[in-house]
């Protein structure tokens, strides 16, 4: 097997793992938001100093929901990109996901940089073009 296909296979596997873990860890954000929502609702009927106002609880709830949404979206995009590496289609989608992964932590940076390096090879561009029966993406201007 040639090195390009081996590395595309590795990218496929890494994107599946990254996507699954991203979706799994996104549930922590949802749990975080749920805990603060339960605390706010439970203390809403109490009087005195133990009361947590709903407006104050909205800040951590919003952070948890935001973390959940970002994790789930990047996880699903990574899973889709893994499938695109398998079928060698949608070169630009894979490239955009690789760039977006560079903003999602250390594992995302490592995977994104590896994907960008592999995707910028002319032989890999030709593999994608061959499968999609289209012209290869143009080389970047020097």
Protein backbone atom coordinates (compact mmCIF):
# COMPACT_ATOMS: atom_id res chain seq x y z
CA UNK A 1 0.00 0.00 0.00
CA UNK A 2 1.36 3.42 -0.86
CA UNK A 3 2.13 5.93 1.91
CA UNK A 4 -0.61 8.35 0.86
CA UNK A 5 -3.34 5.75 1.23
CA UNK A 6 -1.88 4.59 4.55
CA UNK A 7 -1.88 8.11 5.91
CA UNK A 8 -5.40 8.75 4.63
CA UNK A 9 -6.47 5.56 6.42
CA UNK A 10 -4.82 6.85 9.61
CA UNK A 11 -6.59 10.18 9.18
CA UNK A 12 -9.88 8.33 8.80
CA UNK A 13 -9.32 6.35 12.02
CA UNK A 14 -8.09 9.39 13.97
CA UNK A 15 -11.09 11.44 12.85
CA UNK A 16 -13.48 8.69 13.94
CA UNK A 17 -11.82 8.50 17.36
CA UNK A 18 -11.64 12.28 17.72
CA UNK A 19 -15.28 12.67 16.67
CA UNK A 20 -16.53 9.99 19.05
CA UNK A 21 -14.54 11.40 21.97
CA UNK A 22 -15.66 14.93 21.11
CA UNK A 23 -19.31 13.90 21.18
CA UNK A 24 -18.77 11.98 24.42
CA UNK A 25 -16.98 14.83 26.20
CA UNK A 26 -19.64 17.26 25.02
CA UNK A 27 -22.02 15.52 27.38
CA UNK A 28 -19.99 16.91 30.29
CA UNK A 29 -21.06 20.40 29.25
CA UNK A 30 -24.67 19.30 29.26
CA UNK A 31 -24.23 17.74 32.71
CA UNK A 32 -22.57 20.93 33.96
CA UNK A 33 -25.52 22.99 32.74
CA UNK A 34 -28.02 20.53 34.21
CA UNK A 35 -26.37 20.68 37.65
CA UNK A 36 -26.59 24.46 37.79
CA UNK A 37 -30.15 24.38 36.50
CA UNK A 38 -31.13 21.91 39.21
CA UNK A 39 -29.41 24.00 41.89
CA UNK A 40 -31.16 27.15 40.69
CA UNK A 41 -34.57 25.46 40.58
CA UNK A 42 -34.08 23.76 43.95
CA UNK A 43 -33.09 26.99 45.68
CA UNK A 44 -35.65 29.17 43.90
CA UNK A 45 -38.34 28.44 46.48
CA UNK A 46 -36.07 28.91 49.46
CA UNK A 47 -35.79 32.20 51.23
CA UNK A 48 -32.77 33.73 52.85
CA UNK A 49 -29.13 33.64 51.90
CA UNK A 50 -29.11 30.14 50.38
CA UNK A 51 -31.00 31.36 47.36
CA UNK A 52 -29.27 31.19 43.92
CA UNK A 53 -30.96 33.64 41.54
CA UNK A 54 -31.86 32.28 38.12
CA UNK A 55 -30.06 35.15 36.39
CA UNK A 56 -26.82 34.25 38.16
CA UNK A 57 -27.29 30.57 37.28
CA UNK A 58 -27.80 31.45 33.61
CA UNK A 59 -24.10 32.22 33.20
CA UNK A 60 -22.77 28.70 33.99
CA UNK A 61 -25.79 27.14 32.31
CA UNK A 62 -25.00 29.09 29.13
CA UNK A 63 -21.34 28.10 29.32
CA UNK A 64 -22.27 24.44 29.68
CA UNK A 65 -24.73 24.55 26.78
CA UNK A 66 -22.17 26.39 24.62
CA UNK A 67 -19.50 23.78 25.42
CA UNK A 68 -21.97 21.01 24.62
CA UNK A 69 -22.94 22.52 21.26
CA UNK A 70 -19.37 23.25 20.17
CA UNK A 71 -18.19 19.77 21.19
CA UNK A 72 -21.06 18.03 19.44
CA UNK A 73 -20.72 20.09 16.25
CA UNK A 74 -16.95 19.55 16.00
CA UNK A 75 -17.39 15.87 16.88
CA UNK A 76 -19.97 15.32 14.16
CA UNK A 77 -17.88 17.26 11.64
CA UNK A 78 -14.90 15.09 12.51
CA UNK A 79 -16.96 11.91 12.06
CA UNK A 80 -18.17 13.14 8.66
CA UNK A 81 -14.60 14.03 7.67
CA UNK A 82 -13.50 10.53 8.65
CA UNK A 83 -16.09 9.11 6.27
CA UNK A 84 -14.94 11.51 3.53
CA UNK A 85 -11.38 10.23 3.93
CA UNK A 86 -12.73 6.70 3.52
CA UNK A 87 -14.50 7.44 0.24
CA UNK A 88 -11.94 10.08 -0.89
CA UNK A 89 -14.51 12.75 -1.64
CA UNK A 90 -15.04 16.39 -0.65
CA UNK A 91 -11.42 17.49 -0.48
CA UNK A 92 -12.35 21.03 0.56
CA UNK A 93 -14.64 19.82 3.35
CA UNK A 94 -11.81 17.69 4.77
CA UNK A 95 -9.44 20.64 4.51
CA UNK A 96 -11.85 23.02 6.27
CA UNK A 97 -12.46 20.50 9.06
CA UNK A 98 -8.68 20.11 9.45
CA UNK A 99 -8.33 23.88 9.87
CA UNK A 100 -11.24 24.03 12.34
CA UNK A 101 -9.72 21.23 14.40
CA UNK A 102 -6.65 23.39 14.95
CA UNK A 103 -8.83 25.53 17.26
CA UNK A 104 -10.07 22.68 19.46
CA UNK A 105 -7.24 21.84 21.83
CA UNK A 106 -4.01 19.92 21.66
CA UNK A 107 -5.35 16.77 20.04
CA UNK A 108 -7.21 18.88 17.52
CA UNK A 109 -4.06 20.83 16.70
CA UNK A 110 -2.06 17.64 16.20
CA UNK A 111 -4.74 16.05 14.04
CA UNK A 112 -5.43 19.25 12.11
CA UNK A 113 -1.78 19.89 11.27
CA UNK A 114 -1.28 16.26 10.25
CA UNK A 115 -4.36 16.43 8.02
CA UNK A 116 -3.29 19.74 6.44
CA UNK A 117 0.18 18.38 5.68
CA UNK A 118 -1.24 15.23 4.09
CA UNK A 119 -4.00 17.06 2.19
CA UNK A 120 -1.55 19.55 0.65
CA UNK A 121 0.35 16.85 -1.22
CA UNK A 122 -0.31 16.83 -4.98
CA UNK A 123 -0.59 13.03 -4.96
CA UNK A 124 -3.35 13.17 -2.31
CA UNK A 125 -5.16 15.88 -4.26
CA UNK A 126 -4.98 13.62 -7.30
CA UNK A 127 -6.47 10.72 -5.29
CA UNK A 128 -9.42 12.88 -4.27
CA UNK A 129 -9.84 14.15 -7.84
CA UNK A 130 -9.67 10.62 -9.21
CA UNK A 131 -12.48 9.42 -6.94
CA UNK A 132 -14.69 12.44 -7.57
CA UNK A 133 -13.97 12.51 -11.34
CA UNK A 134 -13.08 16.16 -11.21
CA UNK A 135 -10.01 18.23 -11.78
CA UNK A 136 -7.60 18.32 -8.83
CA UNK A 137 -7.72 21.41 -6.66
CA UNK A 138 -5.35 24.11 -7.86
CA UNK A 139 -1.96 24.42 -6.25
CA UNK A 140 -1.57 27.39 -3.92
CA UNK A 141 0.07 30.46 -5.42
CA UNK A 142 3.67 30.94 -4.45
